[in-house]
Amino acid sequence: MPVTRAQCYAALASLQPAPIFLQCYQQEALPEMMELYFRPPEVFFITPEIQAQYTHNVLIPILDEGSFDTAILLHPITGVLYRYSIEWPQQALCVFAHWGQYLADLMLRIAELAEDDAEIVHLGNIIGFTDFDALFAFLALPYDANGSTTAQFVQQF
C-alpha cells in the first residue's frame, strides 16, 4: 500500500533533522535555494502506484535530491537510508547507515557548488552539519577519480 505525504514527513521527522528538511514539505522555495539539494519526493505522491518498485513495501521515500533523478528512502526500523535513481529502481545507488552519513554526502554536494568556505559553513549550519574540520581536511585531499575516498569520508560519520 502506498505511503502518503504525511507518512513520509513523519518518517523524515523521526530522524530529527535540521528544521530546513521539514520545512521543504511546507514550502517550495527554501532559504539559500536549498531546494536545489532536497525537496519532498513528489514523484511518489503524484504516481503512488510506482512506490512498490522502490519501497519493496518497507522503505519510505523521504526526500528527492532536488533534481527529480534520485530519491532518499528510509528503512523505518533500521534507520538505514537508500539512494535510488528514479530511472532505475532495481538497485540502490548508495546506502547510508544513518542520517549523519547522508548529511556528510550532502555536504560534499554542497561544497562542489559553493563559492567559498564561508558559504560552505553557512549552508552546513542550515542543514545541521557540524564537522567542518573533517570536511575541509577531506576537500584539501587530492581528487580521487574512482570515488573510494568519498565513500570513506561519508562512512566516518
N, C-alpha and C. Protein backbone atom coordinates (compact mmCIF):
# COMPACT_ATOMS: atom_id res chain seq x y z
N MET A 1 0.84 -1.18 0.00
CA MET A 1 0.00 0.00 0.00
C MET A 1 0.89 1.25 0.00
N PRO A 2 0.65 2.19 -0.90
CA PRO A 2 1.48 3.39 -0.98
C PRO A 2 1.43 4.22 0.31
N VAL A 3 2.57 4.83 0.60
CA VAL A 3 2.62 5.72 1.76
C VAL A 3 2.17 7.11 1.32
N THR A 4 1.66 7.86 2.26
CA THR A 4 1.16 9.21 1.99
C THR A 4 2.25 10.24 2.25
N ARG A 5 1.99 11.42 1.80
CA ARG A 5 2.90 12.54 2.07
C ARG A 5 3.09 12.72 3.58
N ALA A 6 2.01 12.61 4.34
CA ALA A 6 2.09 12.76 5.80
C ALA A 6 2.96 11.67 6.42
N GLN A 7 2.87 10.46 5.93
CA GLN A 7 3.69 9.37 6.45
C GLN A 7 5.17 9.59 6.11
N CYS A 8 5.43 10.11 4.93
CA CYS A 8 6.80 10.41 4.53
C CYS A 8 7.38 11.52 5.40
N TYR A 9 6.59 12.54 5.64
CA TYR A 9 7.00 13.64 6.51
C TYR A 9 7.30 13.11 7.92
N ALA A 10 6.43 12.27 8.45
CA ALA A 10 6.63 11.70 9.79
C ALA A 10 7.90 10.86 9.84
N ALA A 11 8.17 10.11 8.78
CA ALA A 11 9.39 9.30 8.73
C ALA A 11 10.62 10.19 8.74
N LEU A 12 10.59 11.26 7.95
CA LEU A 12 11.70 12.21 7.94
C LEU A 12 11.85 12.85 9.31
N ALA A 13 10.77 13.27 9.91
CA ALA A 13 10.81 13.91 11.23
C ALA A 13 11.38 12.97 12.29
N SER A 14 11.18 11.67 12.13
CA SER A 14 11.70 10.70 13.10
C SER A 14 13.22 10.72 13.17
N LEU A 15 13.86 11.23 12.13
CA LEU A 15 15.32 11.32 12.11
C LEU A 15 15.84 12.55 12.85
N GLN A 16 14.94 13.40 13.26
CA GLN A 16 15.25 14.65 13.94
C GLN A 16 16.25 15.51 13.14
N PRO A 17 15.90 15.77 11.88
CA PRO A 17 16.80 16.57 11.04
C PRO A 17 16.72 18.05 11.40
N ALA A 18 17.60 18.82 10.81
CA ALA A 18 17.52 20.28 10.94
C ALA A 18 16.17 20.74 10.41
N PRO A 19 15.63 21.82 10.94
CA PRO A 19 14.30 22.29 10.54
C PRO A 19 14.11 22.49 9.04
N ILE A 20 15.16 22.83 8.31
CA ILE A 20 15.04 23.08 6.88
C ILE A 20 14.51 21.87 6.12
N PHE A 21 14.83 20.67 6.59
CA PHE A 21 14.36 19.46 5.90
C PHE A 21 12.85 19.31 6.05
N LEU A 22 12.33 19.59 7.21
CA LEU A 22 10.88 19.51 7.41
C LEU A 22 10.18 20.67 6.71
N GLN A 23 10.85 21.80 6.69
CA GLN A 23 10.30 22.98 6.03
C GLN A 23 10.07 22.74 4.54
N CYS A 24 10.90 21.88 3.94
CA CYS A 24 10.75 21.65 2.50
C CYS A 24 9.41 21.01 2.16
N TYR A 25 8.79 20.34 3.13
CA TYR A 25 7.47 19.75 2.89
C TYR A 25 6.36 20.82 2.94
N GLN A 26 6.66 22.00 3.47
CA GLN A 26 5.64 23.01 3.64
C GLN A 26 5.74 24.16 2.66
N GLN A 27 6.89 24.29 1.99
CA GLN A 27 7.03 25.38 1.03
C GLN A 27 8.01 24.96 -0.07
N GLU A 28 7.77 25.46 -1.27
CA GLU A 28 8.61 25.08 -2.40
C GLU A 28 9.96 25.77 -2.37
N ALA A 29 9.96 27.08 -2.16
CA ALA A 29 11.21 27.83 -2.14
C ALA A 29 11.77 27.82 -0.72
N LEU A 30 13.01 27.40 -0.61
CA LEU A 30 13.67 27.32 0.70
C LEU A 30 14.75 28.39 0.81
N PRO A 31 15.11 28.76 2.03
CA PRO A 31 16.22 29.70 2.20
C PRO A 31 17.47 29.18 1.52
N GLU A 32 18.25 30.11 0.97
CA GLU A 32 19.53 29.79 0.33
C GLU A 32 19.38 28.80 -0.83
N MET A 33 18.20 28.72 -1.41
CA MET A 33 17.93 27.84 -2.55
C MET A 33 18.26 26.37 -2.24
N MET A 34 18.01 25.95 -1.01
CA MET A 34 18.31 24.57 -0.62
C MET A 34 17.47 23.55 -1.38
N GLU A 35 16.38 24.01 -2.03
CA GLU A 35 15.58 23.08 -2.83
C GLU A 35 16.38 22.52 -4.02
N LEU A 36 17.52 23.10 -4.30
CA LEU A 36 18.41 22.53 -5.31
C LEU A 36 19.00 21.20 -4.85
N TYR A 37 19.03 20.99 -3.54
CA TYR A 37 19.65 19.80 -2.96
C TYR A 37 18.64 18.78 -2.43
N PHE A 38 17.49 19.25 -2.02
CA PHE A 38 16.48 18.32 -1.50
C PHE A 38 15.11 18.99 -1.49
N ARG A 39 14.12 18.13 -1.58
CA ARG A 39 12.71 18.53 -1.53
C ARG A 39 11.89 17.27 -1.28
N PRO A 40 10.60 17.39 -1.06
CA PRO A 40 9.78 16.18 -0.89
C PRO A 40 9.82 15.31 -2.15
N PRO A 41 9.70 14.02 -2.00
CA PRO A 41 9.73 13.13 -3.16
C PRO A 41 8.40 13.11 -3.91
N GLU A 42 8.08 14.21 -4.56
CA GLU A 42 6.77 14.40 -5.19
C GLU A 42 6.39 13.31 -6.17
N VAL A 43 7.37 12.75 -6.87
CA VAL A 43 7.04 11.73 -7.86
C VAL A 43 6.30 10.55 -7.22
N PHE A 44 6.59 10.27 -5.97
CA PHE A 44 5.94 9.17 -5.27
C PHE A 44 4.51 9.52 -4.84
N PHE A 45 4.22 10.81 -4.74
CA PHE A 45 2.86 11.23 -4.37
C PHE A 45 2.00 11.41 -5.62
N ILE A 46 2.63 11.85 -6.71
CA ILE A 46 1.91 12.06 -7.96
C ILE A 46 1.51 10.72 -8.59
N THR A 47 2.41 9.76 -8.53
CA THR A 47 2.16 8.43 -9.09
C THR A 47 2.42 7.37 -8.03
N PRO A 48 1.53 7.24 -7.05
CA PRO A 48 1.78 6.31 -5.94
C PRO A 48 1.92 4.86 -6.36
N GLU A 49 1.41 4.52 -7.54
CA GLU A 49 1.50 3.13 -7.98
C GLU A 49 2.94 2.69 -8.24
N ILE A 50 3.87 3.64 -8.41
CA ILE A 50 5.26 3.25 -8.63
C ILE A 50 6.02 2.99 -7.33
N GLN A 51 5.44 3.36 -6.21
CA GLN A 51 6.16 3.25 -4.94
C GLN A 51 6.69 1.85 -4.66
N ALA A 52 5.92 0.83 -4.92
CA ALA A 52 6.33 -0.54 -4.58
C ALA A 52 7.63 -0.94 -5.25
N GLN A 53 7.91 -0.41 -6.44
CA GLN A 53 9.16 -0.72 -7.14
C GLN A 53 10.38 -0.29 -6.33
N TYR A 54 10.22 0.77 -5.57
CA TYR A 54 11.33 1.33 -4.80
C TYR A 54 11.28 0.92 -3.33
N THR A 55 10.10 0.87 -2.80
CA THR A 55 9.96 0.67 -1.35
C THR A 55 9.95 -0.78 -0.92
N HIS A 56 9.62 -1.66 -1.84
CA HIS A 56 9.51 -3.10 -1.51
C HIS A 56 8.56 -3.28 -0.32
N ASN A 57 7.59 -2.35 -0.23
CA ASN A 57 6.59 -2.33 0.84
C ASN A 57 7.19 -2.20 2.23
N VAL A 58 8.41 -1.68 2.31
CA VAL A 58 9.07 -1.46 3.60
C VAL A 58 9.64 -0.04 3.68
N LEU A 59 10.42 0.34 2.69
CA LEU A 59 11.09 1.64 2.70
C LEU A 59 10.09 2.78 2.53
N ILE A 60 10.46 3.94 3.06
CA ILE A 60 9.61 5.12 2.97
C ILE A 60 10.39 6.23 2.26
N PRO A 61 9.87 6.73 1.14
CA PRO A 61 10.56 7.84 0.47
C PRO A 61 10.45 9.10 1.33
N ILE A 62 11.60 9.73 1.58
CA ILE A 62 11.57 10.93 2.43
C ILE A 62 12.04 12.18 1.70
N LEU A 63 12.94 12.04 0.72
CA LEU A 63 13.45 13.21 0.03
C LEU A 63 13.74 12.90 -1.43
N ASP A 64 13.52 13.89 -2.26
CA ASP A 64 14.03 13.91 -3.63
C ASP A 64 15.30 14.75 -3.51
N GLU A 65 16.33 14.38 -4.23
CA GLU A 65 17.58 15.11 -4.08
C GLU A 65 17.67 16.37 -4.94
N GLY A 66 16.53 16.94 -5.24
CA GLY A 66 16.49 18.25 -5.86
C GLY A 66 16.40 18.27 -7.36
N SER A 67 16.61 17.14 -8.01
CA SER A 67 16.63 17.15 -9.46
C SER A 67 15.68 16.13 -10.08
N PHE A 68 14.85 15.53 -9.29
CA PHE A 68 13.89 14.52 -9.74
C PHE A 68 14.57 13.30 -10.36
N ASP A 69 15.87 13.11 -10.10
CA ASP A 69 16.50 11.91 -10.66
C ASP A 69 16.92 10.91 -9.59
N THR A 70 17.09 11.36 -8.35
CA THR A 70 17.39 10.44 -7.26
C THR A 70 16.53 10.77 -6.05
N ALA A 71 16.24 9.75 -5.28
CA ALA A 71 15.43 9.92 -4.07
C ALA A 71 16.09 9.18 -2.92
N ILE A 72 15.84 9.67 -1.72
CA ILE A 72 16.32 9.03 -0.50
C ILE A 72 15.13 8.34 0.17
N LEU A 73 15.32 7.05 0.48
CA LEU A 73 14.28 6.25 1.14
C LEU A 73 14.82 5.75 2.47
N LEU A 74 13.96 5.69 3.44
CA LEU A 74 14.33 5.30 4.80
C LEU A 74 13.75 3.95 5.15
N HIS A 75 14.57 3.10 5.76
CA HIS A 75 14.05 1.87 6.35
C HIS A 75 13.58 2.26 7.75
N PRO A 76 12.29 2.21 8.04
CA PRO A 76 11.77 2.76 9.28
C PRO A 76 12.21 2.02 10.55
N ILE A 77 12.69 0.80 10.42
CA ILE A 77 13.11 0.05 11.61
C ILE A 77 14.61 0.21 11.86
N THR A 78 15.41 0.09 10.82
CA THR A 78 16.87 0.14 10.99
C THR A 78 17.43 1.55 10.93
N GLY A 79 16.70 2.47 10.30
CA GLY A 79 17.21 3.83 10.12
C GLY A 79 18.18 3.96 8.95
N VAL A 80 18.39 2.88 8.22
CA VAL A 80 19.27 2.91 7.05
C VAL A 80 18.58 3.71 5.94
N LEU A 81 19.36 4.51 5.23
CA LEU A 81 18.86 5.33 4.13
C LEU A 81 19.43 4.80 2.82
N TYR A 82 18.59 4.81 1.79
CA TYR A 82 18.97 4.31 0.48
C TYR A 82 18.75 5.39 -0.57
N ARG A 83 19.74 5.56 -1.45
CA ARG A 83 19.58 6.48 -2.58
C ARG A 83 19.23 5.63 -3.80
N TYR A 84 18.10 5.96 -4.40
CA TYR A 84 17.66 5.26 -5.61
C TYR A 84 17.57 6.24 -6.77
N SER A 85 17.91 5.75 -7.94
CA SER A 85 17.66 6.50 -9.15
C SER A 85 16.18 6.34 -9.49
N ILE A 86 15.54 7.44 -9.85
CA ILE A 86 14.14 7.37 -10.26
C ILE A 86 14.01 6.53 -11.53
N GLU A 87 15.04 6.54 -12.36
CA GLU A 87 15.03 5.79 -13.60
C GLU A 87 15.35 4.30 -13.41
N TRP A 88 15.98 3.94 -12.30
CA TRP A 88 16.46 2.57 -12.11
C TRP A 88 16.16 2.10 -10.69
N PRO A 89 14.95 1.63 -10.45
CA PRO A 89 14.56 1.24 -9.08
C PRO A 89 15.05 -0.14 -8.64
N GLN A 90 15.71 -0.86 -9.51
CA GLN A 90 16.09 -2.23 -9.19
C GLN A 90 17.16 -2.34 -8.11
N GLN A 91 18.01 -1.34 -7.98
CA GLN A 91 19.10 -1.43 -7.01
C GLN A 91 19.44 -0.04 -6.47
N ALA A 92 19.70 0.02 -5.18
CA ALA A 92 20.10 1.29 -4.57
C ALA A 92 21.44 1.74 -5.13
N LEU A 93 21.57 3.02 -5.37
CA LEU A 93 22.84 3.58 -5.84
C LEU A 93 23.83 3.73 -4.69
N CYS A 94 23.30 3.95 -3.50
CA CYS A 94 24.14 4.21 -2.34
C CYS A 94 23.34 3.86 -1.09
N VAL A 95 24.05 3.44 -0.05
CA VAL A 95 23.41 3.12 1.23
C VAL A 95 24.12 3.91 2.32
N PHE A 96 23.33 4.56 3.15
CA PHE A 96 23.85 5.31 4.30
C PHE A 96 23.38 4.62 5.56
N ALA A 97 24.29 4.29 6.44
CA ALA A 97 23.95 3.56 7.67
C ALA A 97 23.03 4.38 8.56
N HIS A 98 23.12 5.71 8.46
CA HIS A 98 22.28 6.58 9.29
C HIS A 98 22.30 8.00 8.72
N TRP A 99 21.52 8.86 9.32
CA TRP A 99 21.33 10.23 8.85
C TRP A 99 22.64 11.00 8.74
N GLY A 100 23.55 10.80 9.68
CA GLY A 100 24.83 11.53 9.66
C GLY A 100 25.63 11.27 8.39
N GLN A 101 25.58 10.05 7.90
CA GLN A 101 26.28 9.73 6.65
C GLN A 101 25.62 10.43 5.47
N TYR A 102 24.31 10.48 5.46
CA TYR A 102 23.63 11.21 4.39
C TYR A 102 24.02 12.69 4.43
N LEU A 103 24.05 13.29 5.63
CA LEU A 103 24.43 14.70 5.74
C LEU A 103 25.84 14.94 5.23
N ALA A 104 26.76 14.03 5.54
CA ALA A 104 28.14 14.18 5.06
C ALA A 104 28.18 14.15 3.54
N ASP A 105 27.43 13.24 2.94
CA ASP A 105 27.35 13.15 1.49
C ASP A 105 26.73 14.42 0.91
N LEU A 106 25.67 14.90 1.52
CA LEU A 106 25.03 16.13 1.08
C LEU A 106 26.01 17.30 1.16
N MET A 107 26.81 17.35 2.21
CA MET A 107 27.78 18.44 2.34
C MET A 107 28.81 18.41 1.23
N LEU A 108 29.18 17.23 0.78
CA LEU A 108 30.11 17.15 -0.35
C LEU A 108 29.48 17.73 -1.61
N ARG A 109 28.20 17.45 -1.82
CA ARG A 109 27.50 18.02 -2.99
C ARG A 109 27.40 19.54 -2.86
N ILE A 110 27.10 20.01 -1.66
CA ILE A 110 27.01 21.45 -1.44
C ILE A 110 28.37 22.11 -1.66
N ALA A 111 29.42 21.50 -1.16
CA ALA A 111 30.77 22.07 -1.28
C ALA A 111 31.20 22.18 -2.74
N GLU A 112 30.74 21.28 -3.60
CA GLU A 112 31.07 21.34 -5.02
C GLU A 112 30.54 22.61 -5.67
N LEU A 113 29.41 23.10 -5.19
CA LEU A 113 28.77 24.26 -5.81
C LEU A 113 28.99 25.57 -5.06
N ALA A 114 29.43 25.48 -3.82
CA ALA A 114 29.60 26.69 -3.01
C ALA A 114 30.76 27.54 -3.54
N GLU A 115 30.63 28.82 -3.34
CA GLU A 115 31.65 29.73 -3.85
C GLU A 115 32.88 29.82 -2.97
N ASP A 116 32.71 29.64 -1.67
CA ASP A 116 33.87 29.74 -0.77
C ASP A 116 33.58 29.00 0.54
N ASP A 117 34.59 28.95 1.39
CA ASP A 117 34.47 28.23 2.66
C ASP A 117 33.38 28.81 3.55
N ALA A 118 33.24 30.13 3.54
CA ALA A 118 32.21 30.75 4.38
C ALA A 118 30.82 30.29 3.96
N GLU A 119 30.59 30.16 2.67
CA GLU A 119 29.29 29.69 2.19
C GLU A 119 29.08 28.23 2.57
N ILE A 120 30.13 27.43 2.49
CA ILE A 120 30.03 26.02 2.88
C ILE A 120 29.61 25.92 4.34
N VAL A 121 30.24 26.69 5.19
CA VAL A 121 29.91 26.66 6.63
C VAL A 121 28.48 27.15 6.84
N HIS A 122 28.11 28.22 6.18
CA HIS A 122 26.76 28.76 6.32
C HIS A 122 25.70 27.73 5.93
N LEU A 123 25.87 27.11 4.76
CA LEU A 123 24.90 26.11 4.30
C LEU A 123 24.95 24.86 5.17
N GLY A 124 26.12 24.48 5.62
CA GLY A 124 26.24 23.34 6.52
C GLY A 124 25.49 23.57 7.82
N ASN A 125 25.59 24.78 8.34
CA ASN A 125 24.86 25.10 9.57
C ASN A 125 23.35 25.00 9.35
N ILE A 126 22.88 25.38 8.19
CA ILE A 126 21.45 25.32 7.89
C ILE A 126 20.95 23.87 7.92
N ILE A 127 21.76 22.94 7.39
CA ILE A 127 21.31 21.55 7.33
C ILE A 127 21.69 20.74 8.57
N GLY A 128 22.40 21.36 9.50
CA GLY A 128 22.74 20.66 10.74
C GLY A 128 24.05 19.90 10.69
N PHE A 129 24.89 20.18 9.72
CA PHE A 129 26.21 19.55 9.65
C PHE A 129 27.17 20.33 10.53
N THR A 130 28.02 19.64 11.28
CA THR A 130 28.89 20.35 12.22
C THR A 130 30.38 20.07 12.10
N ASP A 131 30.78 18.99 11.46
CA ASP A 131 32.19 18.62 11.46
C ASP A 131 32.93 19.23 10.26
N PHE A 132 33.11 20.53 10.33
CA PHE A 132 33.76 21.24 9.23
C PHE A 132 35.25 20.96 9.16
N ASP A 133 35.89 20.64 10.30
CA ASP A 133 37.31 20.29 10.26
C ASP A 133 37.52 19.08 9.37
N ALA A 134 36.71 18.05 9.57
CA ALA A 134 36.83 16.83 8.75
C ALA A 134 36.49 17.13 7.29
N LEU A 135 35.47 17.93 7.06
CA LEU A 135 35.07 18.26 5.70
C LEU A 135 36.18 19.00 4.97
N PHE A 136 36.73 20.05 5.58
CA PHE A 136 37.76 20.83 4.90
C PHE A 136 39.06 20.03 4.73
N ALA A 137 39.36 19.14 5.68
CA ALA A 137 40.52 18.26 5.53
C ALA A 137 40.33 17.35 4.32
N PHE A 138 39.12 16.82 4.18
CA PHE A 138 38.83 15.96 3.04
C PHE A 138 38.91 16.74 1.73
N LEU A 139 38.32 17.92 1.72
CA LEU A 139 38.32 18.71 0.48
C LEU A 139 39.73 19.12 0.06
N ALA A 140 40.67 19.17 1.00
CA ALA A 140 42.05 19.53 0.69
C ALA A 140 42.84 18.37 0.10
N LEU A 141 42.31 17.15 0.17
CA LEU A 141 43.00 15.98 -0.37
C LEU A 141 42.99 16.01 -1.89
N PRO A 142 43.98 15.34 -2.51
CA PRO A 142 43.95 15.23 -3.98
C PRO A 142 42.70 14.50 -4.43
N TYR A 143 42.19 14.86 -5.58
CA TYR A 143 40.97 14.26 -6.12
C TYR A 143 41.19 12.79 -6.43
N ASP A 144 40.23 11.95 -6.05
CA ASP A 144 40.26 10.52 -6.32
C ASP A 144 39.15 10.21 -7.31
N ALA A 145 39.51 9.97 -8.55
CA ALA A 145 38.53 9.80 -9.62
C ALA A 145 37.59 8.63 -9.40
N ASN A 146 38.01 7.58 -8.68
CA ASN A 146 37.13 6.43 -8.51
C ASN A 146 36.16 6.59 -7.35
N GLY A 147 36.29 7.64 -6.58
CA GLY A 147 35.32 7.93 -5.52
C GLY A 147 35.50 7.15 -4.24
N SER A 148 36.51 6.29 -4.15
CA SER A 148 36.66 5.50 -2.93
C SER A 148 36.91 6.38 -1.72
N THR A 149 37.62 7.47 -1.92
CA THR A 149 37.88 8.36 -0.80
C THR A 149 36.60 9.03 -0.33
N THR A 150 35.73 9.36 -1.28
CA THR A 150 34.44 9.95 -0.94
C THR A 150 33.64 8.99 -0.05
N ALA A 151 33.58 7.74 -0.43
CA ALA A 151 32.87 6.74 0.37
C ALA A 151 33.48 6.63 1.75
N GLN A 152 34.79 6.66 1.83
CA GLN A 152 35.46 6.58 3.14
C GLN A 152 35.12 7.79 4.00
N PHE A 153 35.07 8.96 3.37
CA PHE A 153 34.71 10.16 4.12
C PHE A 153 33.32 10.04 4.70
N VAL A 154 32.38 9.64 3.88
CA VAL A 154 30.98 9.53 4.32
C VAL A 154 30.83 8.48 5.41
N GLN A 155 31.54 7.39 5.30
CA GLN A 155 31.43 6.30 6.28
C GLN A 155 31.94 6.67 7.66
N GLN A 156 32.78 7.69 7.77
CA GLN A 156 33.29 8.05 9.08
C GLN A 156 32.25 8.76 9.96
N PHE A 157 31.13 9.11 9.37
CA PHE A 157 30.09 9.81 10.13
C PHE A 157 29.05 8.86 10.66
